[in-house]
């Protein structure tokens, strides 16, 4: 599936940027933070999972809103 940024309205583009930033933060958090104990590892897993979940949810909402608001002419992505 190829989705051109020109097909999206400004709000959807902003959502996609937010989703990509949370994806990058969720993936890089594991690399940048080195927890000392098990409780810190659990919190790190929770934070990474939360950021990845935000990314997935916002991306899916952006695609859904693009399809249902008539942002593209053909009705297909």
N, C-alpha and C. Protein backbone atom coordinates (compact mmCIF):
# COMPACT_ATOMS: atom_id res chain seq x y z
N UNK A 1 0.84 -1.16 0.00
CA UNK A 1 0.00 0.00 0.00
C UNK A 1 0.89 1.23 0.00
N UNK A 2 0.66 2.09 -0.94
CA UNK A 2 1.41 3.33 -1.05
C UNK A 2 0.47 4.48 -0.79
N UNK A 3 0.84 5.32 0.14
CA UNK A 3 -0.01 6.45 0.50
C UNK A 3 0.79 7.72 0.32
N UNK A 4 0.39 8.54 -0.61
CA UNK A 4 1.07 9.79 -0.87
C UNK A 4 0.63 10.83 0.15
N UNK A 5 1.57 11.61 0.62
CA UNK A 5 1.25 12.66 1.59
C UNK A 5 0.40 13.76 0.95
N UNK A 6 0.44 13.87 -0.38
CA UNK A 6 -0.39 14.87 -1.05
C UNK A 6 -1.86 14.53 -0.99
N UNK A 7 -2.19 13.25 -0.76
CA UNK A 7 -3.59 12.84 -0.69
C UNK A 7 -4.23 13.19 0.65
N UNK A 8 -3.44 13.53 1.63
CA UNK A 8 -3.94 13.73 2.98
C UNK A 8 -4.17 15.21 3.28
N UNK A 9 -5.13 15.48 4.13
CA UNK A 9 -5.33 16.85 4.56
C UNK A 9 -4.32 17.21 5.65
N UNK A 10 -4.32 18.44 6.08
CA UNK A 10 -3.30 18.92 7.02
C UNK A 10 -3.39 18.23 8.38
N UNK A 11 -4.60 18.00 8.86
CA UNK A 11 -4.76 17.35 10.18
C UNK A 11 -4.25 15.91 10.13
N UNK A 12 -4.52 15.20 9.06
CA UNK A 12 -4.06 13.82 8.95
C UNK A 12 -2.55 13.77 8.83
N UNK A 13 -1.96 14.70 8.11
CA UNK A 13 -0.50 14.76 8.02
C UNK A 13 0.12 15.02 9.39
N UNK A 14 -0.50 15.89 10.18
CA UNK A 14 0.01 16.15 11.53
C UNK A 14 -0.11 14.90 12.40
N UNK A 15 -1.20 14.16 12.25
CA UNK A 15 -1.35 12.91 13.00
C UNK A 15 -0.29 11.90 12.61
N UNK A 16 0.00 11.81 11.33
CA UNK A 16 1.02 10.86 10.87
C UNK A 16 2.41 11.24 11.40
N UNK A 17 2.68 12.54 11.48
CA UNK A 17 3.95 12.98 12.05
C UNK A 17 4.02 12.59 13.54
N UNK A 18 2.93 12.81 14.27
CA UNK A 18 2.87 12.41 15.67
C UNK A 18 3.08 10.91 15.82
N UNK A 19 2.45 10.13 14.94
CA UNK A 19 2.59 8.67 15.00
C UNK A 19 4.02 8.25 14.73
N UNK A 20 4.66 8.86 13.76
CA UNK A 20 6.04 8.49 13.44
C UNK A 20 7.00 8.91 14.56
N UNK A 21 6.73 10.05 15.18
CA UNK A 21 7.58 10.47 16.30
C UNK A 21 7.43 9.54 17.50
N UNK A 22 6.21 9.11 17.79
CA UNK A 22 6.03 8.19 18.91
C UNK A 22 6.62 6.82 18.60
N UNK A 23 6.58 6.39 17.34
CA UNK A 23 7.22 5.14 16.95
C UNK A 23 8.73 5.23 17.15
N UNK A 24 9.33 6.31 16.70
CA UNK A 24 10.78 6.49 16.87
C UNK A 24 11.15 6.58 18.34
N UNK A 25 10.36 7.30 19.13
CA UNK A 25 10.65 7.41 20.56
C UNK A 25 10.52 6.06 21.26
N UNK A 26 9.50 5.29 20.89
CA UNK A 26 9.31 3.99 21.51
C UNK A 26 10.43 3.02 21.19
N UNK A 27 10.94 3.09 19.97
CA UNK A 27 12.03 2.20 19.59
C UNK A 27 13.37 2.67 20.15
N UNK A 28 13.59 3.97 20.17
CA UNK A 28 14.88 4.49 20.65
C UNK A 28 14.98 4.50 22.16
N UNK A 29 13.85 4.48 22.84
CA UNK A 29 13.87 4.48 24.30
C UNK A 29 14.60 3.26 24.83
N UNK A 30 14.39 2.13 24.18
CA UNK A 30 15.05 0.89 24.59
C UNK A 30 16.57 0.98 24.43
N UNK A 31 17.02 1.71 23.41
CA UNK A 31 18.45 1.84 23.15
C UNK A 31 19.10 2.85 24.09
N UNK A 32 18.40 3.93 24.39
CA UNK A 32 18.99 5.03 25.14
C UNK A 32 18.95 4.84 26.65
N UNK A 33 17.97 4.11 27.16
CA UNK A 33 17.80 3.96 28.61
C UNK A 33 18.23 2.55 29.01
N UNK A 34 19.10 2.48 30.01
CA UNK A 34 19.58 1.20 30.51
C UNK A 34 19.16 1.07 31.98
N UNK A 35 18.06 0.35 32.24
CA UNK A 35 17.55 0.25 33.61
C UNK A 35 18.44 -0.64 34.47
N UNK A 36 18.43 -0.34 35.77
CA UNK A 36 19.27 -1.08 36.70
C UNK A 36 18.57 -2.30 37.27
N UNK A 37 17.32 -2.17 37.62
CA UNK A 37 16.61 -3.27 38.27
C UNK A 37 15.42 -3.75 37.48
N UNK A 38 14.76 -4.76 38.03
CA UNK A 38 13.61 -5.35 37.34
C UNK A 38 12.43 -4.38 37.27
N UNK A 39 12.22 -3.59 38.31
CA UNK A 39 11.11 -2.64 38.29
C UNK A 39 11.32 -1.60 37.20
N UNK A 40 12.56 -1.13 37.05
CA UNK A 40 12.85 -0.16 35.99
C UNK A 40 12.67 -0.78 34.61
N UNK A 41 13.03 -2.04 34.45
CA UNK A 41 12.82 -2.73 33.17
C UNK A 41 11.34 -2.84 32.85
N UNK A 42 10.55 -3.13 33.88
CA UNK A 42 9.11 -3.24 33.68
C UNK A 42 8.52 -1.89 33.24
N UNK A 43 8.96 -0.80 33.88
CA UNK A 43 8.47 0.52 33.51
C UNK A 43 8.93 0.89 32.11
N UNK A 44 10.14 0.50 31.74
CA UNK A 44 10.64 0.76 30.40
C UNK A 44 9.82 0.00 29.36
N UNK A 45 9.50 -1.26 29.64
CA UNK A 45 8.65 -2.03 28.74
C UNK A 45 7.28 -1.39 28.60
N UNK A 46 6.73 -0.91 29.72
CA UNK A 46 5.42 -0.26 29.68
C UNK A 46 5.47 1.02 28.84
N UNK A 47 6.50 1.82 29.02
CA UNK A 47 6.62 3.08 28.26
C UNK A 47 6.81 2.80 26.77
N UNK A 48 7.65 1.83 26.44
CA UNK A 48 7.85 1.48 25.03
C UNK A 48 6.56 0.95 24.41
N UNK A 49 5.87 0.08 25.12
CA UNK A 49 4.61 -0.45 24.62
C UNK A 49 3.56 0.63 24.45
N UNK A 50 3.50 1.56 25.38
CA UNK A 50 2.55 2.66 25.28
C UNK A 50 2.83 3.51 24.05
N UNK A 51 4.10 3.86 23.82
CA UNK A 51 4.45 4.70 22.67
C UNK A 51 4.19 3.96 21.36
N UNK A 52 4.48 2.67 21.30
CA UNK A 52 4.21 1.91 20.09
C UNK A 52 2.70 1.77 19.86
N UNK A 53 1.95 1.61 20.94
CA UNK A 53 0.49 1.54 20.82
C UNK A 53 -0.10 2.85 20.34
N UNK A 54 0.43 3.96 20.82
CA UNK A 54 -0.01 5.29 20.35
C UNK A 54 0.27 5.40 18.85
N UNK A 55 1.44 4.96 18.43
CA UNK A 55 1.80 5.03 17.02
C UNK A 55 0.84 4.21 16.16
N UNK A 56 0.55 2.99 16.57
CA UNK A 56 -0.35 2.14 15.80
C UNK A 56 -1.75 2.75 15.76
N UNK A 57 -2.24 3.19 16.91
CA UNK A 57 -3.59 3.76 16.96
C UNK A 57 -3.74 5.02 16.13
N UNK A 58 -2.77 5.90 16.19
CA UNK A 58 -2.85 7.15 15.43
C UNK A 58 -2.73 6.88 13.93
N UNK A 59 -1.86 5.94 13.55
CA UNK A 59 -1.75 5.60 12.12
C UNK A 59 -3.06 5.01 11.60
N UNK A 60 -3.64 4.10 12.34
CA UNK A 60 -4.90 3.51 11.90
C UNK A 60 -6.03 4.55 11.85
N UNK A 61 -6.07 5.43 12.84
CA UNK A 61 -7.08 6.49 12.83
C UNK A 61 -6.87 7.44 11.66
N UNK A 62 -5.61 7.74 11.35
CA UNK A 62 -5.32 8.61 10.21
C UNK A 62 -5.75 7.99 8.90
N UNK A 63 -5.50 6.70 8.72
CA UNK A 63 -5.94 6.02 7.50
C UNK A 63 -7.46 5.94 7.43
N UNK A 64 -8.10 5.68 8.56
CA UNK A 64 -9.55 5.61 8.59
C UNK A 64 -10.17 6.97 8.26
N UNK A 65 -9.64 8.03 8.87
CA UNK A 65 -10.21 9.35 8.61
C UNK A 65 -9.94 9.81 7.18
N UNK A 66 -8.82 9.40 6.62
CA UNK A 66 -8.51 9.73 5.23
C UNK A 66 -9.52 9.06 4.30
N UNK A 67 -9.87 7.84 4.60
CA UNK A 67 -10.80 7.11 3.75
C UNK A 67 -12.23 7.62 3.90
N UNK A 68 -12.63 7.98 5.12
CA UNK A 68 -14.02 8.35 5.37
C UNK A 68 -14.32 9.83 5.18
N UNK A 69 -13.31 10.66 5.07
CA UNK A 69 -13.58 12.09 4.91
C UNK A 69 -13.43 12.55 3.47
N UNK A 70 -13.20 11.64 2.55
CA UNK A 70 -13.12 12.01 1.14
C UNK A 70 -11.85 12.74 0.79
N UNK A 71 -10.74 12.41 1.43
CA UNK A 71 -9.49 13.10 1.15
C UNK A 71 -8.90 12.69 -0.20
N UNK A 72 -9.22 11.49 -0.65
CA UNK A 72 -8.73 11.08 -1.97
C UNK A 72 -9.92 10.84 -2.90
N UNK A 73 -9.66 10.94 -4.17
CA UNK A 73 -10.75 10.91 -5.14
C UNK A 73 -11.28 9.50 -5.37
N UNK A 74 -10.40 8.52 -5.41
CA UNK A 74 -10.82 7.18 -5.82
C UNK A 74 -11.52 6.42 -4.72
N UNK A 75 -11.34 6.79 -3.47
CA UNK A 75 -11.95 6.07 -2.36
C UNK A 75 -11.12 4.86 -1.94
N UNK A 76 -10.01 4.65 -2.58
CA UNK A 76 -9.12 3.53 -2.22
C UNK A 76 -7.77 4.07 -1.83
N UNK A 77 -7.12 3.33 -0.93
CA UNK A 77 -5.77 3.72 -0.53
C UNK A 77 -4.77 2.84 -1.21
